[in-house]
Amino acid sequence: MHAPQTIPSDLADPAAAVLARLRTKSPRVHCITNTVAQNFTANVLLAAGAVPSMTVAPEEIGEFVARADALLVNLGTFDRERRAATEIAITRAGESGRPWVLDPVFVDRSAPRTAFAKTLAAKRPAVVRLNGAEFASLFDSGYEDDGLRRIASAISAVVALTGATDRLTDGARFLRIANGDPLMSRVTAMGCAGAALVAACLAVEPDRLMATAAALLAFAVAGEVAALRARGPGSFAVEIIDALHGLDRETLRARAKVT
């Protein structure tokens, strides 16, 4: 893992700097994600400045990952083709030195899904983004702060537990982000898109905890801005894309709630 920097509690300026690099460099992010999330995830990445790709065809995914700057593995659609594609993609990401994010969606619902996710967690993801129930199932552990730190250290990855307050750790450093809006839980694929944004930030920021924090803070603040304009979940899904596209340093400074 990259040598740790001090992560300031005032995360707005560093997060804005990561976003600026994202918009300048336009990294390619290859996404293995669930079928209901593909369109929204692609639009979120485009709004942030990244370039998405989505193929899961085993005969070509290796080439796509080799040409990408980061990889997202989301287990929302757990079919045979995606499992095969995932194995190929992770191998190629490792060979190419590309960071990848594991989003073990619904591992608390299915034993085969949990078993597969456990094999993936042992393959050195840069970040594991998940909720409390998923964490408990994947790591057979409680998700109190000490549990998060212990698992992050054990797998040498950033663990990002998302919820009303996001908790992030690389085993040594620990952050809480209290931004966001309840409407974010009323739109499908919101968490999937947030994980893709983490992958995009990893492509331009070598400090994994900083990249993860910048992505989750930016997405949560964009959600707050979108909620001010939205009339309900439908318009919110559009507004958050616009809000992310226009997100600036001043808005992050005004709204960031990081400890």
C-alpha atoms as a PDB file:
ATOM      1  CA  MET A   1       0.000   0.000   0.000  1.00  0.00           C
ATOM      2  CA  HIS A   2       1.156   3.542  -0.712  1.00  0.00           C
ATOM      3  CA  ALA A   3       3.019   5.212   2.149  1.00  0.00           C
ATOM      4  CA  PRO A   4       0.342   6.951   4.222  1.00  0.00           C
ATOM      5  CA  GLN A   5      -0.057  10.680   4.321  1.00  0.00           C
ATOM      6  CA  THR A   6      -1.856  12.552   7.050  1.00  0.00           C
ATOM      7  CA  ILE A   7      -5.531  12.807   6.118  1.00  0.00           C
ATOM      8  CA  PRO A   8      -6.847  16.159   7.339  1.00  0.00           C
ATOM      9  CA  SER A   9     -10.197  16.378   9.071  1.00  0.00           C
ATOM     10  CA  ASP A  10     -10.835  19.306   6.725  1.00  0.00           C
ATOM     11  CA  LEU A  11     -10.971  17.089   3.666  1.00  0.00           C
ATOM     12  CA  ALA A  12     -12.589  19.578   1.278  1.00  0.00           C
ATOM     13  CA  ASP A  13      -9.444  20.968  -0.354  1.00  0.00           C
ATOM     14  CA  PRO A  14      -7.678  17.616  -0.844  1.00  0.00           C
ATOM     15  CA  ALA A  15     -10.914  16.133  -2.220  1.00  0.00           C
ATOM     16  CA  ALA A  16     -11.287  19.051  -4.614  1.00  0.00           C
ATOM     17  CA  ALA A  17      -7.724  18.474  -5.796  1.00  0.00           C
ATOM     18  CA  VAL A  18      -8.464  14.805  -6.503  1.00  0.00           C
ATOM     19  CA  LEU A  19     -11.583  15.789  -8.456  1.00  0.00           C
ATOM     20  CA  ALA A  20      -9.590  18.316 -10.465  1.00  0.00           C
ATOM     21  CA  ARG A  21      -7.073  15.620 -11.444  1.00  0.00           C
ATOM     22  CA  LEU A  22      -9.930  13.299 -12.330  1.00  0.00           C
ATOM     23  CA  ARG A  23     -11.401  15.891 -14.676  1.00  0.00           C
ATOM     24  CA  THR A  24      -8.012  16.652 -16.227  1.00  0.00           C
ATOM     25  CA  LYS A  25      -6.763  13.097 -16.709  1.00  0.00           C
ATOM     26  CA  SER A  26     -10.088  11.422 -17.654  1.00  0.00           C
ATOM     27  CA  PRO A  27      -9.079   7.951 -16.448  1.00  0.00           C
ATOM     28  CA  ARG A  28     -10.694   4.859 -17.905  1.00  0.00           C
ATOM     29  CA  VAL A  29     -12.627   2.757 -15.414  1.00  0.00           C
ATOM     30  CA  HIS A  30     -13.752  -0.719 -16.354  1.00  0.00           C
ATOM     31  CA  CYS A  31     -16.864  -1.803 -14.470  1.00  0.00           C
ATOM     32  CA  ILE A  32     -18.142  -5.295 -13.853  1.00  0.00           C
ATOM     33  CA  THR A  33     -21.422  -4.358 -12.263  1.00  0.00           C
ATOM     34  CA  ASN A  34     -25.018  -5.456 -12.053  1.00  0.00           C
ATOM     35  CA  THR A  35     -27.379  -5.033 -14.955  1.00  0.00           C
ATOM     36  CA  VAL A  36     -29.620  -2.465 -13.272  1.00  0.00           C
ATOM     37  CA  ALA A  37     -26.603  -0.298 -12.395  1.00  0.00           C
ATOM     38  CA  GLN A  38     -24.766  -0.059 -15.697  1.00  0.00           C
ATOM     39  CA  ASN A  39     -26.423   3.000 -17.222  1.00  0.00           C
ATOM     40  CA  PHE A  40     -26.484   5.085 -14.045  1.00  0.00           C
ATOM     41  CA  THR A  41     -22.921   4.124 -13.138  1.00  0.00           C
ATOM     42  CA  ALA A  42     -21.665   5.080 -16.587  1.00  0.00           C
ATOM     43  CA  ASN A  43     -23.378   8.462 -16.394  1.00  0.00           C
ATOM     44  CA  VAL A  44     -21.956   9.171 -12.924  1.00  0.00           C
ATOM     45  CA  LEU A  45     -18.443   8.387 -14.141  1.00  0.00           C
ATOM     46  CA  LEU A  46     -18.876  10.574 -17.217  1.00  0.00           C
ATOM     47  CA  ALA A  47     -20.203  13.434 -15.090  1.00  0.00           C
ATOM     48  CA  ALA A  48     -17.152  13.193 -12.830  1.00  0.00           C
ATOM     49  CA  GLY A  49     -14.773  13.223 -15.793  1.00  0.00           C
ATOM     50  CA  ALA A  50     -13.913   9.520 -16.122  1.00  0.00           C
ATOM     51  CA  VAL A  51     -14.444   7.213 -19.101  1.00  0.00           C
ATOM     52  CA  PRO A  52     -16.465   4.046 -18.358  1.00  0.00           C
ATOM     53  CA  SER A  53     -16.480   0.661 -20.062  1.00  0.00           C
ATOM     54  CA  MET A  54     -18.759  -2.241 -19.166  1.00  0.00           C
ATOM     55  CA  THR A  55     -18.106  -5.379 -21.196  1.00  0.00           C
ATOM     56  CA  VAL A  56     -18.160  -8.726 -19.387  1.00  0.00           C
ATOM     57  CA  ALA A  57     -17.379 -10.917 -22.395  1.00  0.00           C
ATOM     58  CA  PRO A  58     -14.580 -13.270 -21.270  1.00  0.00           C
ATOM     59  CA  GLU A  59     -12.901 -13.182 -24.687  1.00  0.00           C
ATOM     60  CA  GLU A  60     -12.270  -9.432 -24.510  1.00  0.00           C
ATOM     61  CA  ILE A  61     -12.424  -8.247 -20.914  1.00  0.00           C
ATOM     62  CA  GLY A  62      -8.710  -8.834 -20.340  1.00  0.00           C
ATOM     63  CA  GLU A  63      -7.849  -6.343 -23.056  1.00  0.00           C
ATOM     64  CA  PHE A  64     -10.317  -3.792 -21.703  1.00  0.00           C
ATOM     65  CA  VAL A  65      -8.865  -4.019 -18.199  1.00  0.00           C
ATOM     66  CA  ALA A  66      -5.296  -3.793 -19.494  1.00  0.00           C
ATOM     67  CA  ARG A  67      -6.224  -0.521 -21.214  1.00  0.00           C
ATOM     68  CA  ALA A  68      -8.143   0.831 -18.220  1.00  0.00           C
ATOM     69  CA  ASP A  69      -6.731   2.784 -15.280  1.00  0.00           C
ATOM     70  CA  ALA A  70      -8.879   1.128 -12.598  1.00  0.00           C
ATOM     71  CA  LEU A  71     -11.383  -1.689 -12.188  1.00  0.00           C
ATOM     72  CA  LEU A  72     -14.671  -2.064 -10.318  1.00  0.00           C
ATOM     73  CA  VAL A  73     -15.945  -5.526  -9.383  1.00  0.00           C
ATOM     74  CA  ASN A  74     -19.556  -5.396  -8.233  1.00  0.00           C
ATOM     75  CA  LEU A  75     -21.338  -8.673  -7.453  1.00  0.00           C
ATOM     76  CA  GLY A  76     -24.892  -7.383  -7.885  1.00  0.00           C
ATOM     77  CA  THR A  77     -25.585  -9.687 -10.838  1.00  0.00           C
ATOM     78  CA  PHE A  78     -24.100 -13.041  -9.884  1.00  0.00           C
ATOM     79  CA  ASP A  79     -24.247 -14.949 -13.153  1.00  0.00           C
ATOM     80  CA  ARG A  80     -21.739 -17.354 -14.677  1.00  0.00           C
ATOM     81  CA  GLU A  81     -20.503 -14.901 -17.292  1.00  0.00           C
ATOM     82  CA  ARG A  82     -19.723 -12.207 -14.720  1.00  0.00           C
ATOM     83  CA  ARG A  83     -17.960 -14.653 -12.429  1.00  0.00           C
ATOM     84  CA  ALA A  84     -15.723 -15.780 -15.292  1.00  0.00           C
ATOM     85  CA  ALA A  85     -15.136 -12.182 -16.351  1.00  0.00           C
ATOM     86  CA  THR A  86     -14.259 -11.214 -12.791  1.00  0.00           C
ATOM     87  CA  GLU A  87     -11.536 -13.867 -12.496  1.00  0.00           C
ATOM     88  CA  ILE A  88      -9.965 -12.741 -15.773  1.00  0.00           C
ATOM     89  CA  ALA A  89     -10.278  -9.038 -14.932  1.00  0.00           C
ATOM     90  CA  ILE A  90      -8.674  -9.307 -11.497  1.00  0.00           C
ATOM     91  CA  THR A  91      -5.792 -11.350 -12.867  1.00  0.00           C
ATOM     92  CA  ARG A  92      -5.175  -8.792 -15.612  1.00  0.00           C
ATOM     93  CA  ALA A  93      -5.489  -5.884 -13.158  1.00  0.00           C
ATOM     94  CA  GLY A  94      -2.817  -7.504 -10.993  1.00  0.00           C
ATOM     95  CA  GLU A  95      -0.523  -8.063 -13.964  1.00  0.00           C
ATOM     96  CA  SER A  96      -1.001  -4.464 -15.108  1.00  0.00           C
ATOM     97  CA  GLY A  97      -0.729  -2.890 -11.653  1.00  0.00           C
ATOM     98  CA  ARG A  98      -4.240  -1.457 -11.841  1.00  0.00           C
ATOM     99  CA  PRO A  99      -6.116  -0.710  -8.597  1.00  0.00           C
ATOM    100  CA  TRP A 100      -9.460  -2.404  -8.202  1.00  0.00           C
ATOM    101  CA  VAL A 101     -12.485  -2.017  -5.943  1.00  0.00           C
ATOM    102  CA  LEU A 102     -14.559  -4.875  -4.577  1.00  0.00           C
ATOM    103  CA  ASP A 103     -18.234  -4.093  -3.992  1.00  0.00           C
ATOM    104  CA  PRO A 104     -19.643  -7.363  -2.572  1.00  0.00           C
ATOM    105  CA  VAL A 105     -23.313  -6.565  -3.068  1.00  0.00           C
ATOM    106  CA  PHE A 106     -25.794  -8.804  -1.204  1.00  0.00           C
ATOM    107  CA  VAL A 107     -23.200 -11.250   0.136  1.00  0.00           C
ATOM    108  CA  ASP A 108     -25.410 -11.420   3.215  1.00  0.00           C
ATOM    109  CA  ARG A 109     -28.199 -12.973   1.096  1.00  0.00           C
ATOM    110  CA  SER A 110     -26.504 -15.982  -0.505  1.00  0.00           C
ATOM    111  CA  ALA A 111     -23.893 -18.533   0.608  1.00  0.00           C
ATOM    112  CA  PRO A 112     -22.404 -19.039  -2.911  1.00  0.00           C
ATOM    113  CA  ARG A 113     -22.078 -15.295  -3.320  1.00  0.00           C
ATOM    114  CA  THR A 114     -20.372 -14.998   0.066  1.00  0.00           C
ATOM    115  CA  ALA A 115     -17.931 -17.791  -0.736  1.00  0.00           C
ATOM    116  CA  PHE A 116     -16.999 -16.220  -4.068  1.00  0.00           C
ATOM    117  CA  ALA A 117     -16.571 -12.792  -2.478  1.00  0.00           C
ATOM    118  CA  LYS A 118     -14.233 -14.245   0.151  1.00  0.00           C
ATOM    119  CA  THR A 119     -11.952 -15.569  -2.582  1.00  0.00           C
ATOM    120  CA  LEU A 120     -11.945 -12.120  -4.191  1.00  0.00           C
ATOM    121  CA  ALA A 121     -11.177 -10.318  -0.929  1.00  0.00           C
ATOM    122  CA  ALA A 122      -8.017 -12.427  -0.676  1.00  0.00           C
ATOM    123  CA  LYS A 123      -6.813 -11.176  -4.093  1.00  0.00           C
ATOM    124  CA  ARG A 124      -5.640  -7.754  -2.919  1.00  0.00           C
ATOM    125  CA  PRO A 125      -8.343  -5.258  -3.793  1.00  0.00           C
ATOM    126  CA  ALA A 126      -7.308  -1.675  -3.155  1.00  0.00           C
ATOM    127  CA  VAL A 127     -10.674  -0.929  -1.548  1.00  0.00           C
ATOM    128  CA  VAL A 128     -13.619  -2.951  -0.285  1.00  0.00           C
ATOM    129  CA  ARG A 129     -16.793  -0.853  -0.183  1.00  0.00           C
ATOM    130  CA  LEU A 130     -19.777  -2.407   1.570  1.00  0.00           C
ATOM    131  CA  ASN A 131     -22.486  -1.981   4.199  1.00  0.00           C
ATOM    132  CA  GLY A 132     -22.662  -3.415   7.694  1.00  0.00           C
ATOM    133  CA  ALA A 133     -24.558  -6.602   6.852  1.00  0.00           C
ATOM    134  CA  GLU A 134     -22.230  -7.326   3.946  1.00  0.00           C
ATOM    135  CA  PHE A 135     -19.164  -6.727   6.129  1.00  0.00           C
ATOM    136  CA  ALA A 136     -20.401  -9.109   8.813  1.00  0.00           C
ATOM    137  CA  SER A 137     -21.056 -11.863   6.259  1.00  0.00           C
ATOM    138  CA  LEU A 138     -17.868 -11.402   4.264  1.00  0.00           C
ATOM    139  CA  PHE A 139     -15.445 -11.140   7.171  1.00  0.00           C
ATOM    140  CA  ASP A 140     -17.294 -13.024   9.944  1.00  0.00           C
ATOM    141  CA  SER A 141     -16.783 -10.009  12.155  1.00  0.00           C
ATOM    142  CA  GLY A 142     -18.629  -7.235  13.876  1.00  0.00           C
ATOM    143  CA  TYR A 143     -18.305  -3.859  12.223  1.00  0.00           C
ATOM    144  CA  GLU A 144     -17.356  -1.700  15.157  1.00  0.00           C
ATOM    145  CA  ASP A 145     -14.382   0.617  14.542  1.00  0.00           C
ATOM    146  CA  ASP A 146     -11.813  -1.874  15.855  1.00  0.00           C
ATOM    147  CA  GLY A 147     -13.255  -4.575  13.611  1.00  0.00           C
ATOM    148  CA  LEU A 148     -12.918  -2.368  10.549  1.00  0.00           C
ATOM    149  CA  ARG A 149      -9.311  -1.538  11.409  1.00  0.00           C
ATOM    150  CA  ARG A 150      -8.421  -5.171  12.024  1.00  0.00           C
ATOM    151  CA  ILE A 151      -9.841  -6.368   8.707  1.00  0.00           C
ATOM    152  CA  ALA A 152      -8.296  -3.506   6.733  1.00  0.00           C
ATOM    153  CA  SER A 153      -4.897  -4.401   8.158  1.00  0.00           C
ATOM    154  CA  ALA A 154      -5.394  -8.110   7.552  1.00  0.00           C
ATOM    155  CA  ILE A 155      -6.257  -7.732   3.857  1.00  0.00           C
ATOM    156  CA  SER A 156      -4.011  -4.669   3.232  1.00  0.00           C
ATOM    157  CA  ALA A 157      -6.905  -2.700   1.770  1.00  0.00           C
ATOM    158  CA  VAL A 158      -9.052   0.274   2.576  1.00  0.00           C
ATOM    159  CA  VAL A 159     -12.369  -0.784   4.084  1.00  0.00           C
ATOM    160  CA  ALA A 160     -15.171   1.690   3.387  1.00  0.00           C
ATOM    161  CA  LEU A 161     -18.335   0.940   5.355  1.00  0.00           C
ATOM    162  CA  THR A 162     -21.097   3.126   3.936  1.00  0.00           C
ATOM    163  CA  GLY A 163     -24.300   4.174   5.624  1.00  0.00           C
ATOM    164  CA  ALA A 164     -25.793   7.229   7.297  1.00  0.00           C
ATOM    165  CA  THR A 165     -22.184   7.981   8.276  1.00  0.00           C
ATOM    166  CA  ASP A 166     -19.462   6.460   6.128  1.00  0.00           C
ATOM    167  CA  ARG A 167     -16.506   4.963   8.018  1.00  0.00           C
ATOM    168  CA  LEU A 168     -13.200   4.452   6.226  1.00  0.00           C
ATOM    169  CA  THR A 169      -9.918   2.964   7.376  1.00  0.00           C
ATOM    170  CA  ASP A 170      -6.688   1.525   6.003  1.00  0.00           C
ATOM    171  CA  GLY A 171      -5.938  -0.077   9.355  1.00  0.00           C
ATOM    172  CA  ALA A 172      -3.899   2.858  10.644  1.00  0.00           C
ATOM    173  CA  ARG A 173      -5.956   5.924   9.764  1.00  0.00           C
ATOM    174  CA  PHE A 174      -9.700   6.307  10.292  1.00  0.00           C
ATOM    175  CA  LEU A 175     -12.251   8.771   8.884  1.00  0.00           C
ATOM    176  CA  ARG A 176     -15.948   9.418   9.230  1.00  0.00           C
ATOM    177  CA  ILE A 177     -17.967  11.252   6.580  1.00  0.00           C
ATOM    178  CA  ALA A 178     -21.414  12.365   7.701  1.00  0.00           C
ATOM    179  CA  ASN A 179     -22.643  13.889   4.437  1.00  0.00           C
ATOM    180  CA  GLY A 180     -25.421  12.641   2.169  1.00  0.00           C
ATOM    181  CA  ASP A 181     -29.202  12.734   1.887  1.00  0.00           C
ATOM    182  CA  PRO A 182     -31.955  10.142   2.526  1.00  0.00           C
ATOM    183  CA  LEU A 183     -32.996  10.292  -1.139  1.00  0.00           C
ATOM    184  CA  MET A 184     -29.751   8.532  -1.999  1.00  0.00           C
ATOM    185  CA  SER A 185     -31.259   5.323  -0.613  1.00  0.00           C
ATOM    186  CA  ARG A 186     -34.345   5.713  -2.831  1.00  0.00           C
ATOM    187  CA  VAL A 187     -32.550   5.412  -6.183  1.00  0.00           C
ATOM    188  CA  THR A 188     -31.263   2.081  -7.436  1.00  0.00           C
ATOM    189  CA  ALA A 189     -27.539   1.739  -8.180  1.00  0.00           C
ATOM    190  CA  MET A 190     -26.546   4.705  -6.036  1.00  0.00           C
ATOM    191  CA  GLY A 191     -24.055   2.679  -4.000  1.00  0.00           C
ATOM    192  CA  CYS A 192     -22.788   0.928  -7.116  1.00  0.00           C
ATOM    193  CA  ALA A 193     -22.074   4.267  -8.774  1.00  0.00           C
ATOM    194  CA  GLY A 194     -20.345   5.528  -5.643  1.00  0.00           C
ATOM    195  CA  ALA A 195     -18.026   2.521  -5.696  1.00  0.00           C
ATOM    196  CA  ALA A 196     -17.230   3.217  -9.357  1.00  0.00           C
ATOM    197  CA  LEU A 197     -16.322   6.780  -8.420  1.00  0.00           C
ATOM    198  CA  VAL A 198     -13.925   5.363  -5.808  1.00  0.00           C
ATOM    199  CA  ALA A 199     -12.246   3.370  -8.574  1.00  0.00           C
ATOM    200  CA  ALA A 200     -11.958   6.503 -10.713  1.00  0.00           C
ATOM    201  CA  CYS A 201     -10.304   8.431  -7.886  1.00  0.00           C
ATOM    202  CA  LEU A 202      -7.873   5.559  -7.264  1.00  0.00           C
ATOM    203  CA  ALA A 203      -6.701   6.047 -10.842  1.00  0.00           C
ATOM    204  CA  VAL A 204      -5.480   9.584 -10.079  1.00  0.00           C
ATOM    205  CA  GLU A 205      -4.595   9.437  -6.358  1.00  0.00           C
ATOM    206  CA  PRO A 206      -2.076   6.859  -5.085  1.00  0.00           C
ATOM    207  CA  ASP A 207      -3.037   7.232  -1.416  1.00  0.00           C
ATOM    208  CA  ARG A 208      -5.912   4.761  -1.296  1.00  0.00           C
ATOM    209  CA  LEU A 209      -7.592   6.182   1.769  1.00  0.00           C
ATOM    210  CA  MET A 210      -7.437   9.701   0.345  1.00  0.00           C
ATOM    211  CA  ALA A 211      -8.857   8.530  -2.989  1.00  0.00           C
ATOM    212  CA  THR A 212     -11.701   6.690  -1.257  1.00  0.00           C
ATOM    213  CA  ALA A 213     -12.492   9.602   1.049  1.00  0.00           C
ATOM    214  CA  ALA A 214     -12.455  12.097  -1.829  1.00  0.00           C
ATOM    215  CA  ALA A 215     -14.856   9.973  -3.873  1.00  0.00           C
ATOM    216  CA  LEU A 216     -17.313   9.292  -1.068  1.00  0.00           C
ATOM    217  CA  LEU A 217     -17.270  12.892   0.147  1.00  0.00           C
ATOM    218  CA  ALA A 218     -17.812  14.264  -3.352  1.00  0.00           C
ATOM    219  CA  PHE A 219     -20.665  11.867  -4.042  1.00  0.00           C
ATOM    220  CA  ALA A 220     -22.356  12.537  -0.697  1.00  0.00           C
ATOM    221  CA  VAL A 221     -22.092  16.308  -1.063  1.00  0.00           C
ATOM    222  CA  ALA A 222     -23.435  16.046  -4.606  1.00  0.00           C
ATOM    223  CA  GLY A 223     -26.374  14.155  -3.100  1.00  0.00           C
ATOM    224  CA  GLU A 224     -27.070  17.002  -0.694  1.00  0.00           C
ATOM    225  CA  VAL A 225     -26.960  19.556  -3.506  1.00  0.00           C
ATOM    226  CA  ALA A 226     -29.203  17.386  -5.687  1.00  0.00           C
ATOM    227  CA  ALA A 227     -31.765  17.024  -2.891  1.00  0.00           C
ATOM    228  CA  LEU A 228     -32.197  20.799  -2.779  1.00  0.00           C
ATOM    229  CA  ARG A 229     -33.416  20.746  -6.382  1.00  0.00           C
ATOM    230  CA  ALA A 230     -35.174  17.389  -6.627  1.00  0.00           C
ATOM    231  CA  ARG A 231     -38.924  16.817  -6.358  1.00  0.00           C
ATOM    232  CA  GLY A 232     -38.503  13.143  -5.504  1.00  0.00           C
ATOM    233  CA  PRO A 233     -36.377  10.081  -6.335  1.00  0.00           C
ATOM    234  CA  GLY A 234     -36.868  10.347 -10.091  1.00  0.00           C
ATOM    235  CA  SER A 235     -35.632  13.903 -10.448  1.00  0.00           C
ATOM    236  CA  PHE A 236     -32.983  13.254  -7.789  1.00  0.00           C
ATOM    237  CA  ALA A 237     -31.347  10.614 -10.020  1.00  0.00           C
ATOM    238  CA  VAL A 238     -30.861  13.286 -12.680  1.00  0.00           C
ATOM    239  CA  GLU A 239     -29.933  16.075 -10.291  1.00  0.00           C
ATOM    240  CA  ILE A 240     -27.120  14.169  -8.609  1.00  0.00           C
ATOM    241  CA  ILE A 241     -25.405  13.672 -11.977  1.00  0.00           C
ATOM    242  CA  ASP A 242     -25.638  17.404 -12.647  1.00  0.00           C
ATOM    243  CA  ALA A 243     -24.495  18.205  -9.109  1.00  0.00           C
ATOM    244  CA  LEU A 244     -21.448  15.964  -9.400  1.00  0.00           C
ATOM    245  CA  HIS A 245     -20.560  17.478 -12.760  1.00  0.00           C
ATOM    246  CA  GLY A 246     -20.650  20.992 -11.301  1.00  0.00           C
ATOM    247  CA  LEU A 247     -19.198  20.238  -7.865  1.00  0.00           C
ATOM    248  CA  ASP A 248     -16.535  22.749  -6.835  1.00  0.00           C
ATOM    249  CA  ARG A 249     -14.114  23.456  -4.015  1.00  0.00           C
ATOM    250  CA  GLU A 250     -16.348  26.095  -2.416  1.00  0.00           C
ATOM    251  CA  THR A 251     -19.294  23.706  -2.149  1.00  0.00           C
ATOM    252  CA  LEU A 252     -17.104  21.013  -0.624  1.00  0.00           C
ATOM    253  CA  ARG A 253     -15.699  23.511   1.880  1.00  0.00           C
ATOM    254  CA  ALA A 254     -19.178  24.686   2.856  1.00  0.00           C
ATOM    255  CA  ARG A 255     -20.672  21.208   3.299  1.00  0.00           C
ATOM    256  CA  ALA A 256     -17.967  18.684   4.233  1.00  0.00           C
ATOM    257  CA  LYS A 257     -18.624  16.919   7.553  1.00  0.00           C
ATOM    258  CA  VAL A 258     -15.500  14.866   8.164  1.00  0.00           C
ATOM    259  CA  THR A 259     -13.981  13.677  11.426  1.00  0.00           C
END
